[in-house]
C-alpha atoms as a PDB file:
ATOM      1  CA  UNK A   1      -0.316  -0.174   0.211  1.00  0.00           C
ATOM      2  CA  UNK A   2       1.250   3.802  -0.859  1.00  0.00           C
ATOM      3  CA  UNK A   3       2.663   5.321   2.117  1.00  0.00           C
ATOM      4  CA  UNK A   4       3.552   2.287   4.000  1.00  0.00           C
ATOM      5  CA  UNK A   5       6.857   3.134   5.747  1.00  0.00           C
ATOM      6  CA  UNK A   6       8.508  -0.597   4.722  1.00  0.00           C
ATOM      7  CA  UNK A   7       7.740   0.638   0.775  1.00  0.00           C
ATOM      8  CA  UNK A   8      10.251   3.537   1.004  1.00  0.00           C
ATOM      9  CA  UNK A   9       7.472   6.022  -0.075  1.00  0.00           C
ATOM     10  CA  UNK A  10       7.927   8.606   2.364  1.00  0.00           C
ATOM     11  CA  UNK A  11       7.503   8.643   6.094  1.00  0.00           C
ATOM     12  CA  UNK A  12       3.732   8.598   6.149  1.00  0.00           C
ATOM     13  CA  UNK A  13       3.019  10.635   3.622  1.00  0.00           C
ATOM     14  CA  UNK A  14       1.750   8.223   0.803  1.00  0.00           C
ATOM     15  CA  UNK A  15       4.250  10.099  -1.727  1.00  0.00           C
ATOM     16  CA  UNK A  16       6.989   8.701  -3.451  1.00  0.00           C
ATOM     17  CA  UNK A  17       9.999  10.908  -4.293  1.00  0.00           C
ATOM     18  CA  UNK A  18      12.863  10.308  -7.410  1.00  0.00           C
ATOM     19  CA  UNK A  19      15.468   9.743  -4.290  1.00  0.00           C
ATOM     20  CA  UNK A  20      13.363   6.813  -2.998  1.00  0.00           C
ATOM     21  CA  UNK A  21      14.288   3.385  -3.804  1.00  0.00           C
ATOM     22  CA  UNK A  22      12.906   2.467  -7.190  1.00  0.00           C
ATOM     23  CA  UNK A  23      13.288  -1.349  -6.447  1.00  0.00           C
ATOM     24  CA  UNK A  24      10.519  -0.895  -3.862  1.00  0.00           C
ATOM     25  CA  UNK A  25       8.008   1.055  -5.871  1.00  0.00           C
ATOM     26  CA  UNK A  26       8.554  -1.715  -8.561  1.00  0.00           C
ATOM     27  CA  UNK A  27       8.006  -4.511  -5.708  1.00  0.00           C
ATOM     28  CA  UNK A  28       4.801  -2.942  -4.740  1.00  0.00           C
ATOM     29  CA  UNK A  29       3.246  -2.231  -7.632  1.00  0.00           C
ATOM     30  CA  UNK A  30       4.241  -4.082 -10.657  1.00  0.00           C
ATOM     31  CA  UNK A  31       2.116  -6.700 -10.195  1.00  0.00           C
ATOM     32  CA  UNK A  32      -0.845  -4.473  -9.915  1.00  0.00           C
ATOM     33  CA  UNK A  33       0.299  -2.638 -13.175  1.00  0.00           C
ATOM     34  CA  UNK A  34       0.832  -5.971 -15.266  1.00  0.00           C
ATOM     35  CA  UNK A  35      -2.840  -7.359 -14.097  1.00  0.00           C
ATOM     36  CA  UNK A  36      -4.236  -3.849 -15.440  1.00  0.00           C
ATOM     37  CA  UNK A  37      -2.444  -4.362 -18.729  1.00  0.00           C
ATOM     38  CA  UNK A  38      -3.209  -7.877 -19.051  1.00  0.00           C
ATOM     39  CA  UNK A  39      -6.960  -7.636 -18.781  1.00  0.00           C
ATOM     40  CA  UNK A  40      -6.801  -5.030 -21.169  1.00  0.00           C
ATOM     41  CA  UNK A  41      -4.185  -6.885 -23.602  1.00  0.00           C
ATOM     42  CA  UNK A  42      -2.806 -10.059 -23.575  1.00  0.00           C
ATOM     43  CA  UNK A  43      -0.469 -11.686 -21.059  1.00  0.00           C
ATOM     44  CA  UNK A  44       2.525 -11.784 -23.382  1.00  0.00           C
ATOM     45  CA  UNK A  45       1.976  -7.770 -24.626  1.00  0.00           C
ATOM     46  CA  UNK A  46       1.043  -7.228 -20.596  1.00  0.00           C
ATOM     47  CA  UNK A  47       4.668  -8.658 -19.564  1.00  0.00           C
ATOM     48  CA  UNK A  48       6.518  -6.194 -22.236  1.00  0.00           C
ATOM     49  CA  UNK A  49       4.087  -2.909 -21.165  1.00  0.00           C
ATOM     50  CA  UNK A  50       3.985  -3.590 -17.516  1.00  0.00           C
ATOM     51  CA  UNK A  51       8.111  -3.610 -17.604  1.00  0.00           C
ATOM     52  CA  UNK A  52       8.374  -0.663 -20.308  1.00  0.00           C
ATOM     53  CA  UNK A  53       5.808   1.211 -17.582  1.00  0.00           C
ATOM     54  CA  UNK A  54       8.725   0.881 -15.048  1.00  0.00           C
ATOM     55  CA  UNK A  55      11.180   1.750 -17.506  1.00  0.00           C
ATOM     56  CA  UNK A  56       9.295   4.916 -18.477  1.00  0.00           C
ATOM     57  CA  UNK A  57       8.700   5.697 -14.672  1.00  0.00           C
ATOM     58  CA  UNK A  58      12.321   5.090 -13.870  1.00  0.00           C
ATOM     59  CA  UNK A  59      13.417   7.693 -16.606  1.00  0.00           C
ATOM     60  CA  UNK A  60      10.900   9.751 -15.721  1.00  0.00           C
ATOM     61  CA  UNK A  61      11.289  10.025 -12.164  1.00  0.00           C
ATOM     62  CA  UNK A  62      12.532  13.514 -11.510  1.00  0.00           C
ATOM     63  CA  UNK A  63       9.174  14.622 -13.228  1.00  0.00           C
ATOM     64  CA  UNK A  64       6.993  12.824 -10.883  1.00  0.00           C
ATOM     65  CA  UNK A  65       5.012  15.404  -8.979  1.00  0.00           C
ATOM     66  CA  UNK A  66       3.392  14.420  -5.831  1.00  0.00           C
ATOM     67  CA  UNK A  67       1.000  17.569  -5.788  1.00  0.00           C
ATOM     68  CA  UNK A  68      -0.915  15.867  -8.496  1.00  0.00           C
ATOM     69  CA  UNK A  69      -1.438  12.218  -6.596  1.00  0.00           C
ATOM     70  CA  UNK A  70       0.651   9.288  -5.676  1.00  0.00           C
ATOM     71  CA  UNK A  71       2.939   6.720  -7.397  1.00  0.00           C
ATOM     72  CA  UNK A  72       0.164   4.247  -7.888  1.00  0.00           C
ATOM     73  CA  UNK A  73      -2.020   6.474 -10.162  1.00  0.00           C
ATOM     74  CA  UNK A  74       1.030   8.283 -11.758  1.00  0.00           C
ATOM     75  CA  UNK A  75       1.891   4.410 -12.708  1.00  0.00           C
ATOM     76  CA  UNK A  76      -1.317   3.705 -13.891  1.00  0.00           C
ATOM     77  CA  UNK A  77      -1.379   6.767 -15.843  1.00  0.00           C
ATOM     78  CA  UNK A  78       2.120   5.862 -17.553  1.00  0.00           C
ATOM     79  CA  UNK A  79       0.383   2.403 -18.295  1.00  0.00           C
ATOM     80  CA  UNK A  80      -2.985   3.809 -19.876  1.00  0.00           C
ATOM     81  CA  UNK A  81      -0.429   6.354 -22.283  1.00  0.00           C
ATOM     82  CA  UNK A  82       1.210   3.289 -23.241  1.00  0.00           C
ATOM     83  CA  UNK A  83      -1.715   1.195 -23.819  1.00  0.00           C
ATOM     84  CA  UNK A  84      -3.010   4.137 -26.116  1.00  0.00           C
ATOM     85  CA  UNK A  85      -0.522   3.116 -28.474  1.00  0.00           C
ATOM     86  CA  UNK A  86      -1.824  -0.254 -28.663  1.00  0.00           C
ATOM     87  CA  UNK A  87      -5.394   1.410 -29.002  1.00  0.00           C
ATOM     88  CA  UNK A  88      -6.120  -0.086 -32.881  1.00  0.00           C
ATOM     89  CA  UNK A  89      -5.237  -3.386 -31.654  1.00  0.00           C
ATOM     90  CA  UNK A  90      -7.148  -3.252 -28.507  1.00  0.00           C
ATOM     91  CA  UNK A  91     -10.170  -2.371 -30.357  1.00  0.00           C
ATOM     92  CA  UNK A  92      -9.931  -5.220 -32.967  1.00  0.00           C
ATOM     93  CA  UNK A  93      -9.397  -7.259 -29.747  1.00  0.00           C
ATOM     94  CA  UNK A  94     -12.782  -6.333 -28.016  1.00  0.00           C
ATOM     95  CA  UNK A  95     -14.311  -6.807 -31.812  1.00  0.00           C
ATOM     96  CA  UNK A  96     -13.166 -10.173 -31.803  1.00  0.00           C
ATOM     97  CA  UNK A  97     -14.073 -11.393 -28.399  1.00  0.00           C
ATOM     98  CA  UNK A  98     -17.503  -9.780 -29.422  1.00  0.00           C
ATOM     99  CA  UNK A  99     -17.993 -12.104 -32.471  1.00  0.00           C
ATOM    100  CA  UNK A 100     -16.248 -15.037 -30.767  1.00  0.00           C
ATOM    101  CA  UNK A 101     -18.904 -15.012 -28.174  1.00  0.00           C
ATOM    102  CA  UNK A 102     -21.810 -14.016 -30.515  1.00  0.00           C
ATOM    103  CA  UNK A 103     -21.040 -17.114 -32.976  1.00  0.00           C
ATOM    104  CA  UNK A 104     -20.230 -19.694 -30.159  1.00  0.00           C
ATOM    105  CA  UNK A 105     -17.300 -20.946 -32.289  1.00  0.00           C
ATOM    106  CA  UNK A 106     -13.886 -21.088 -31.801  1.00  0.00           C
ATOM    107  CA  UNK A 107     -11.588 -22.254 -34.845  1.00  0.00           C
ATOM    108  CA  UNK A 108      -8.810 -23.585 -32.721  1.00  0.00           C
ATOM    109  CA  UNK A 109      -8.186 -24.411 -29.304  1.00  0.00           C
ATOM    110  CA  UNK A 110      -5.392 -21.791 -29.067  1.00  0.00           C
ATOM    111  CA  UNK A 111      -8.199 -19.212 -29.726  1.00  0.00           C
ATOM    112  CA  UNK A 112     -10.295 -20.468 -27.292  1.00  0.00           C
ATOM    113  CA  UNK A 113      -7.706 -20.575 -24.373  1.00  0.00           C
ATOM    114  CA  UNK A 114      -6.825 -17.209 -25.649  1.00  0.00           C
ATOM    115  CA  UNK A 115     -10.673 -15.818 -25.826  1.00  0.00           C
ATOM    116  CA  UNK A 116     -11.196 -17.252 -21.935  1.00  0.00           C
ATOM    117  CA  UNK A 117      -8.066 -16.008 -20.651  1.00  0.00           C
ATOM    118  CA  UNK A 118      -8.057 -12.622 -22.521  1.00  0.00           C
ATOM    119  CA  UNK A 119     -11.727 -11.871 -21.794  1.00  0.00           C
ATOM    120  CA  UNK A 120     -11.699 -13.035 -17.912  1.00  0.00           C
ATOM    121  CA  UNK A 121     -15.558 -11.978 -16.792  1.00  0.00           C
ATOM    122  CA  UNK A 122     -16.201 -10.022 -19.950  1.00  0.00           C
ATOM    123  CA  UNK A 123     -18.766 -11.644 -22.364  1.00  0.00           C
ATOM    124  CA  UNK A 124     -18.811 -11.253 -26.094  1.00  0.00           C
ATOM    125  CA  UNK A 125     -21.492  -8.353 -25.779  1.00  0.00           C
ATOM    126  CA  UNK A 126     -19.858  -6.249 -23.176  1.00  0.00           C
ATOM    127  CA  UNK A 127     -16.212  -6.564 -25.241  1.00  0.00           C
ATOM    128  CA  UNK A 128     -18.215  -5.162 -28.301  1.00  0.00           C
ATOM    129  CA  UNK A 129     -19.748  -2.564 -26.202  1.00  0.00           C
ATOM    130  CA  UNK A 130     -16.309  -1.349 -24.988  1.00  0.00           C
ATOM    131  CA  UNK A 131     -15.044  -1.193 -28.518  1.00  0.00           C
ATOM    132  CA  UNK A 132     -17.601   1.285 -29.600  1.00  0.00           C
ATOM    133  CA  UNK A 133     -16.673   3.685 -26.496  1.00  0.00           C
ATOM    134  CA  UNK A 134     -14.555   6.206 -27.131  1.00  0.00           C
ATOM    135  CA  UNK A 135     -10.919   5.736 -25.898  1.00  0.00           C
ATOM    136  CA  UNK A 136     -10.992   8.425 -23.156  1.00  0.00           C
ATOM    137  CA  UNK A 137     -14.268   7.109 -22.210  1.00  0.00           C
ATOM    138  CA  UNK A 138     -13.164   3.426 -22.329  1.00  0.00           C
ATOM    139  CA  UNK A 139      -9.913   4.153 -20.295  1.00  0.00           C
ATOM    140  CA  UNK A 140     -11.916   5.749 -17.436  1.00  0.00           C
ATOM    141  CA  UNK A 141     -13.916   2.633 -17.270  1.00  0.00           C
ATOM    142  CA  UNK A 142     -11.168   0.438 -17.556  1.00  0.00           C
ATOM    143  CA  UNK A 143      -8.872   2.039 -14.753  1.00  0.00           C
ATOM    144  CA  UNK A 144     -12.168   1.590 -12.448  1.00  0.00           C
ATOM    145  CA  UNK A 145     -13.316  -1.649 -13.172  1.00  0.00           C
ATOM    146  CA  UNK A 146      -9.965  -3.398 -14.238  1.00  0.00           C
ATOM    147  CA  UNK A 147      -7.485  -1.137 -12.122  1.00  0.00           C
ATOM    148  CA  UNK A 148      -9.764  -0.578  -8.993  1.00  0.00           C
ATOM    149  CA  UNK A 149      -9.101   2.739  -9.040  1.00  0.00           C
ATOM    150  CA  UNK A 150     -10.849   5.667  -7.112  1.00  0.00           C
ATOM    151  CA  UNK A 151     -12.251   8.661  -9.297  1.00  0.00           C
ATOM    152  CA  UNK A 152      -9.450  10.580  -7.640  1.00  0.00           C
ATOM    153  CA  UNK A 153      -6.577   8.347  -8.830  1.00  0.00           C
ATOM    154  CA  UNK A 154      -8.228   8.023 -12.329  1.00  0.00           C
ATOM    155  CA  UNK A 155      -8.185  11.745 -12.350  1.00  0.00           C
ATOM    156  CA  UNK A 156      -4.435  11.868 -11.235  1.00  0.00           C
ATOM    157  CA  UNK A 157      -3.685   8.982 -13.805  1.00  0.00           C
ATOM    158  CA  UNK A 158      -4.821  10.415 -16.761  1.00  0.00           C
ATOM    159  CA  UNK A 159      -4.142  14.152 -15.936  1.00  0.00           C
ATOM    160  CA  UNK A 160      -7.770  15.374 -15.817  1.00  0.00           C
ATOM    161  CA  UNK A 161     -10.188  16.932 -13.467  1.00  0.00           C
ATOM    162  CA  UNK A 162     -12.089  15.006 -10.856  1.00  0.00           C
ATOM    163  CA  UNK A 163     -15.299  16.103 -12.661  1.00  0.00           C
ATOM    164  CA  UNK A 164     -14.122  14.858 -15.944  1.00  0.00           C
ATOM    165  CA  UNK A 165     -13.659  11.320 -14.489  1.00  0.00           C
ATOM    166  CA  UNK A 166     -17.201  11.495 -13.451  1.00  0.00           C
ATOM    167  CA  UNK A 167     -18.872  13.078 -16.497  1.00  0.00           C
ATOM    168  CA  UNK A 168     -16.817  10.368 -18.848  1.00  0.00           C
ATOM    169  CA  UNK A 169     -18.096   7.320 -16.719  1.00  0.00           C
ATOM    170  CA  UNK A 170     -21.506   8.678 -16.376  1.00  0.00           C
ATOM    171  CA  UNK A 171     -21.428   8.975 -20.490  1.00  0.00           C
ATOM    172  CA  UNK A 172     -19.805   5.395 -20.878  1.00  0.00           C
ATOM    173  CA  UNK A 173     -22.452   4.128 -18.749  1.00  0.00           C
ATOM    174  CA  UNK A 174     -25.014   5.308 -20.626  1.00  0.00           C
ATOM    175  CA  UNK A 175     -23.459   4.314 -23.874  1.00  0.00           C
ATOM    176  CA  UNK A 176     -22.685   0.636 -22.381  1.00  0.00           C
ATOM    177  CA  UNK A 177     -26.770   0.236 -21.089  1.00  0.00           C
ATOM    178  CA  UNK A 178     -27.721   1.413 -24.569  1.00  0.00           C
ATOM    179  CA  UNK A 179     -25.133  -0.898 -26.191  1.00  0.00           C
ATOM    180  CA  UNK A 180     -26.163  -3.508 -23.949  1.00  0.00           C
ATOM    181  CA  UNK A 181     -30.014  -3.252 -24.146  1.00  0.00           C
ATOM    182  CA  UNK A 182     -29.970  -2.283 -20.389  1.00  0.00           C
ATOM    183  CA  UNK A 183     -28.906  -6.071 -19.716  1.00  0.00           C
ATOM    184  CA  UNK A 184     -25.990  -6.906 -17.298  1.00  0.00           C
ATOM    185  CA  UNK A 185     -23.951  -9.302 -19.371  1.00  0.00           C
ATOM    186  CA  UNK A 186     -21.740 -10.536 -16.500  1.00  0.00           C
ATOM    187  CA  UNK A 187     -25.145 -11.122 -14.685  1.00  0.00           C
ATOM    188  CA  UNK A 188     -26.519 -12.940 -17.887  1.00  0.00           C
ATOM    189  CA  UNK A 189     -23.741 -14.982 -18.261  1.00  0.00           C
ATOM    190  CA  UNK A 190     -23.724 -16.146 -14.214  1.00  0.00           C
ATOM    191  CA  UNK A 191     -27.204 -16.839 -14.340  1.00  0.00           C
ATOM    192  CA  UNK A 192     -27.307 -19.037 -17.657  1.00  0.00           C
END
């Protein structure tokens, strides 16, 4: 947890400074960042992007501004910016998951395993709906849903005002509800 004295993140401040032990920051947050990226991409890409997140953080450590938020949202912001580079493939992946679920057919064992692992609890309809969101709205939804970030942390991660997070989340929820026909695909998948 940020601010724990054993993480070297400052004496009870919850912040990290460039002078602190970067290894401790890496150890404290790598698994969490990796999980977030793996949920948005595949595991192989997550390995690379999570590592790149910390490489960027290390290179840019002098630019870290504790006044803008803690190290956790800063790392999520870096990861989200790196994910933006993969936007086209991410959208193609969501659309492919949507088609896979809709047809019920998978051409190979490898594709079946990849679809189950990559999609996690996301059903095809939800994947298609996520693909239809604007990137900025999708980032907010996925930082909250997959990263478990609070609104203030999302604001810090994306460098946007707190109110913008709320408005983007509200807009995305409306679009997702409309695209899904007011049906919760996760509940629907668990029920039937």
